[in-house]
């Protein structure tokens, strides 16, 4: 008899195969693309099914949820053995950055110079170091956080001097669009910025991760150069926000 949570394993393996196929279609090595399982609202027992299926990177939107889930999941021998990375992908408030540094392996949502400074100051003071991605608002969407591309070009030189944080790439959430061609343009523009930064030699900057693409558009993101795609509902099913 099939298990209650077999759908999670099946979904994860299906999406993993789709990621590989999307990479091969555009002549890329599938191994250079990380599939993140986004665990927002997902119970720990369900997350463990994804980890058992091979999920090596998990993403959470809220610091308190990430903190709670890391503590709960760490009680599982299977989780400890697999040792997946846990990333914060949601907006980070400055009053929660200490907890974020303590429980996240990476913060993907550094969306302002002010937040980068606060993270740096905390890490220096607490003698920590955290890997981060800089969130870029590629569509100038007023409903989303992130650096404007031209703003980031100016401020990256200041960010590279900040101790305690290592910038490992860029992240974006493009404007909602029913047309994947429009989405592809946003992804392409971020990749150009990413490649531009890659060519520059700056301290504390290691441009290696381009995080873009979610359940509905990850194949487009891969075609445009994503090295990490963030997939939630396609793995875990429709979210329950109650």
Protein backbone atom coordinates (compact mmCIF):
# COMPACT_ATOMS: atom_id res chain seq x y z
CA UNK A 1 0.00 0.00 0.00
CA UNK A 2 1.42 3.41 -0.96
CA UNK A 3 2.50 5.60 1.93
CA UNK A 4 0.59 8.73 2.89
CA UNK A 5 3.49 10.98 1.85
CA UNK A 6 4.69 9.15 -1.26
CA UNK A 7 3.50 12.10 -3.33
CA UNK A 8 6.30 14.26 -1.89
CA UNK A 9 8.99 11.86 -3.06
CA UNK A 10 7.32 11.45 -6.44
CA UNK A 11 6.97 15.20 -6.90
CA UNK A 12 10.55 15.88 -5.88
CA UNK A 13 11.94 13.28 -8.28
CA UNK A 14 9.68 14.58 -11.06
CA UNK A 15 10.87 18.16 -10.57
CA UNK A 16 14.49 17.01 -10.29
CA UNK A 17 14.08 15.24 -13.65
CA UNK A 18 12.47 18.37 -15.14
CA UNK A 19 15.40 20.47 -13.93
CA UNK A 20 17.84 18.07 -15.58
CA UNK A 21 15.88 18.06 -18.84
CA UNK A 22 15.67 21.85 -18.87
CA UNK A 23 19.43 22.07 -18.37
CA UNK A 24 20.20 19.60 -21.14
CA UNK A 25 17.87 21.41 -23.57
CA UNK A 26 20.03 24.53 -23.34
CA UNK A 27 23.36 22.69 -23.29
CA UNK A 28 24.02 23.03 -19.57
CA UNK A 29 25.31 20.52 -17.04
CA UNK A 30 22.39 19.56 -14.73
CA UNK A 31 24.85 19.15 -11.87
CA UNK A 32 25.49 22.90 -11.82
CA UNK A 33 21.86 23.61 -10.86
CA UNK A 34 20.64 23.30 -7.26
CA UNK A 35 17.00 22.42 -6.66
CA UNK A 36 15.81 24.08 -3.46
CA UNK A 37 12.70 22.69 -1.75
CA UNK A 38 10.82 25.68 -0.30
CA UNK A 39 9.23 24.63 2.98
CA UNK A 40 6.96 27.57 3.81
CA UNK A 41 3.95 26.23 5.83
CA UNK A 42 5.19 22.63 5.40
CA UNK A 43 5.24 20.31 8.42
CA UNK A 44 8.52 18.73 9.51
CA UNK A 45 7.39 15.16 8.78
CA UNK A 46 6.65 16.19 5.19
CA UNK A 47 9.96 18.01 4.84
CA UNK A 48 11.76 14.83 5.91
CA UNK A 49 10.17 13.01 2.94
CA UNK A 50 11.73 15.52 0.56
CA UNK A 51 15.09 15.15 2.30
CA UNK A 52 14.81 11.36 1.96
CA UNK A 53 14.14 11.85 -1.77
CA UNK A 54 17.38 13.80 -2.10
CA UNK A 55 16.58 17.42 -1.26
CA UNK A 56 19.93 18.89 -0.21
CA UNK A 57 18.79 22.51 0.05
CA UNK A 58 15.74 23.82 1.89
CA UNK A 59 14.37 27.36 1.85
CA UNK A 60 12.23 29.11 4.45
CA UNK A 61 10.61 32.54 4.32
CA UNK A 62 10.47 33.51 7.99
CA UNK A 63 13.29 33.51 10.53
CA UNK A 64 11.17 32.14 13.35
CA UNK A 65 9.97 29.26 11.16
CA UNK A 66 13.50 28.48 10.04
CA UNK A 67 14.71 28.50 13.62
CA UNK A 68 11.89 26.24 14.81
CA UNK A 69 12.19 23.81 11.93
CA UNK A 70 15.96 23.50 12.19
CA UNK A 71 15.63 22.62 15.85
CA UNK A 72 12.83 20.11 15.22
CA UNK A 73 14.41 18.52 12.14
CA UNK A 74 17.78 18.18 13.84
CA UNK A 75 16.23 15.60 16.15
CA UNK A 76 15.94 13.26 13.16
CA UNK A 77 18.93 11.01 12.48
CA UNK A 78 17.99 10.98 8.78
CA UNK A 79 18.09 14.77 8.67
CA UNK A 80 21.40 14.97 10.50
CA UNK A 81 22.88 12.36 8.19
CA UNK A 82 21.70 14.12 5.02
CA UNK A 83 22.76 17.54 6.39
CA UNK A 84 20.81 19.69 3.90
CA UNK A 85 21.53 23.40 3.68
CA UNK A 86 18.88 25.71 5.18
CA UNK A 87 18.49 29.08 3.51
CA UNK A 88 16.44 32.11 4.47
CA UNK A 89 14.71 33.39 1.34
CA UNK A 90 12.14 35.81 2.76
CA UNK A 91 12.50 39.45 3.75
CA UNK A 92 14.74 39.86 6.79
CA UNK A 93 13.88 42.48 9.40
CA UNK A 94 16.87 44.04 11.13
CA UNK A 95 15.59 43.06 14.58
CA UNK A 96 15.77 39.38 13.58
CA UNK A 97 19.18 39.29 11.92
CA UNK A 98 20.95 37.78 14.95
CA UNK A 99 18.61 34.79 14.90
CA UNK A 100 18.95 34.54 11.12
CA UNK A 101 22.74 34.35 11.32
CA UNK A 102 22.46 31.70 14.02
CA UNK A 103 20.09 29.37 12.15
CA UNK A 104 20.64 29.95 8.40
CA UNK A 105 23.42 28.53 6.27
CA UNK A 106 22.76 31.33 3.80
CA UNK A 107 20.61 34.45 3.65
CA UNK A 108 19.33 34.90 0.10
CA UNK A 109 17.39 38.08 0.75
CA UNK A 110 19.84 40.87 1.54
CA UNK A 111 17.81 43.57 -0.15
CA UNK A 112 19.38 46.89 0.88
CA UNK A 113 22.66 48.56 1.79
CA UNK A 114 21.23 49.23 5.24
CA UNK A 115 20.59 45.52 5.85
CA UNK A 116 24.01 44.54 4.51
CA UNK A 117 25.64 47.01 6.93
CA UNK A 118 23.60 45.72 9.87
CA UNK A 119 24.49 42.11 9.05
CA UNK A 120 28.16 42.98 8.71
CA UNK A 121 28.22 44.84 12.03
CA UNK A 122 26.50 41.96 13.81
CA UNK A 123 28.81 39.34 12.31
CA UNK A 124 31.93 41.30 13.21
CA UNK A 125 30.71 41.87 16.75
CA UNK A 126 29.68 38.24 17.25
CA UNK A 127 32.71 36.87 15.34
CA UNK A 128 30.51 35.14 12.78
CA UNK A 129 30.53 34.96 9.01
CA UNK A 130 27.49 34.42 6.81
CA UNK A 131 27.09 33.73 3.10
CA UNK A 132 24.50 35.95 1.41
CA UNK A 133 22.86 36.65 -1.90
CA UNK A 134 21.87 40.18 -2.88
CA UNK A 135 18.21 40.45 -3.82
CA UNK A 136 17.61 42.49 -6.95
CA UNK A 137 14.25 44.01 -7.86
CA UNK A 138 14.68 43.46 -11.60
CA UNK A 139 11.18 44.61 -12.50
CA UNK A 140 11.11 47.76 -10.33
CA UNK A 141 8.05 46.23 -8.68
CA UNK A 142 6.93 48.47 -5.77
CA UNK A 143 5.45 45.43 -4.04
CA UNK A 144 8.82 43.66 -3.85
CA UNK A 145 12.04 44.24 -1.94
CA UNK A 146 15.49 44.45 -3.46
CA UNK A 147 18.19 46.63 -4.92
CA UNK A 148 17.49 48.43 -8.16
CA UNK A 149 20.09 47.16 -10.68
CA UNK A 150 21.76 50.56 -11.15
CA UNK A 151 21.72 51.16 -7.41
CA UNK A 152 23.48 47.85 -6.80
CA UNK A 153 26.17 48.68 -9.35
CA UNK A 154 26.97 51.79 -7.31
CA UNK A 155 26.73 50.21 -3.88
CA UNK A 156 28.49 46.90 -4.52
CA UNK A 157 31.86 48.60 -4.07
CA UNK A 158 30.81 49.57 -0.55
CA UNK A 159 29.34 46.14 0.19
CA UNK A 160 32.55 44.38 -0.84
CA UNK A 161 34.38 46.16 1.98
CA UNK A 162 32.04 44.84 4.65
CA UNK A 163 33.50 42.19 6.91
CA UNK A 164 31.55 39.19 8.17
CA UNK A 165 29.45 38.71 5.03
CA UNK A 166 30.43 36.85 1.86
CA UNK A 167 28.38 37.78 -1.20
CA UNK A 168 28.00 34.60 -3.25
CA UNK A 169 25.57 35.79 -5.91
CA UNK A 170 22.23 37.35 -6.75
CA UNK A 171 18.58 36.48 -6.20
CA UNK A 172 15.34 37.81 -7.65
CA UNK A 173 11.57 37.41 -7.59
CA UNK A 174 10.31 38.92 -10.87
CA UNK A 175 6.95 40.66 -11.24
CA UNK A 176 3.99 38.31 -11.61
CA UNK A 177 3.22 37.84 -15.28
CA UNK A 178 1.04 35.49 -17.29
CA UNK A 179 3.58 35.68 -20.09
CA UNK A 180 6.74 33.63 -19.57
CA UNK A 181 8.46 35.63 -22.33
CA UNK A 182 8.25 38.70 -20.11
CA UNK A 183 9.60 36.69 -17.20
CA UNK A 184 12.47 35.45 -19.36
CA UNK A 185 13.48 39.06 -20.04
CA UNK A 186 13.69 39.80 -16.31
CA UNK A 187 15.79 36.67 -15.76
CA UNK A 188 18.04 37.56 -18.70
CA UNK A 189 18.61 41.05 -17.34
CA UNK A 190 19.64 39.66 -13.96
CA UNK A 191 22.03 37.22 -15.59
CA UNK A 192 23.71 40.09 -17.47
CA UNK A 193 24.19 41.90 -14.15
CA UNK A 194 25.49 38.68 -12.58
CA UNK A 195 28.03 38.17 -15.37
CA UNK A 196 29.09 41.81 -15.17
CA UNK A 197 29.81 41.42 -11.46
CA UNK A 198 31.60 38.12 -12.08
CA UNK A 199 34.15 39.96 -14.20
CA UNK A 200 35.01 42.34 -11.39
CA UNK A 201 37.58 41.33 -8.79
CA UNK A 202 36.31 42.51 -5.42
CA UNK A 203 36.96 41.39 -1.88
CA UNK A 204 34.21 39.34 -0.20
CA UNK A 205 32.41 38.93 -3.54
CA UNK A 206 32.21 35.44 -5.03
CA UNK A 207 29.59 35.52 -7.77
CA UNK A 208 28.69 31.85 -8.18
CA UNK A 209 24.97 31.54 -7.38
CA UNK A 210 22.16 32.95 -9.49
CA UNK A 211 18.93 32.20 -7.60
CA UNK A 212 15.84 32.68 -9.75
CA UNK A 213 12.84 30.66 -10.83
CA UNK A 214 10.03 29.04 -8.86
CA UNK A 215 7.41 26.31 -9.41
CA UNK A 216 5.79 27.98 -12.43
CA UNK A 217 8.86 29.33 -14.21
CA UNK A 218 11.97 27.38 -13.14
CA UNK A 219 12.51 25.95 -16.61
CA UNK A 220 12.60 29.47 -18.08
CA UNK A 221 15.02 30.51 -15.33
CA UNK A 222 17.34 27.61 -16.14
CA UNK A 223 17.34 28.57 -19.81
CA UNK A 224 18.38 32.08 -18.73
CA UNK A 225 21.25 30.90 -16.51
CA UNK A 226 19.86 30.14 -13.04
CA UNK A 227 22.14 28.01 -10.87
CA UNK A 228 19.54 27.64 -8.08
CA UNK A 229 15.76 27.32 -8.48
CA UNK A 230 13.31 27.63 -5.57
CA UNK A 231 10.40 25.19 -5.84
CA UNK A 232 7.70 24.80 -3.21
CA UNK A 233 4.14 24.01 -4.29
CA UNK A 234 5.24 21.76 -7.16
CA UNK A 235 6.92 19.53 -4.58
CA UNK A 236 4.71 19.85 -1.51
CA UNK A 237 1.36 20.71 -3.07
CA UNK A 238 -0.91 23.71 -2.61
CA UNK A 239 -0.05 25.82 0.44
CA UNK A 240 -2.32 25.94 3.46
CA UNK A 241 -1.95 29.46 4.92
CA UNK A 242 -4.42 28.99 7.76
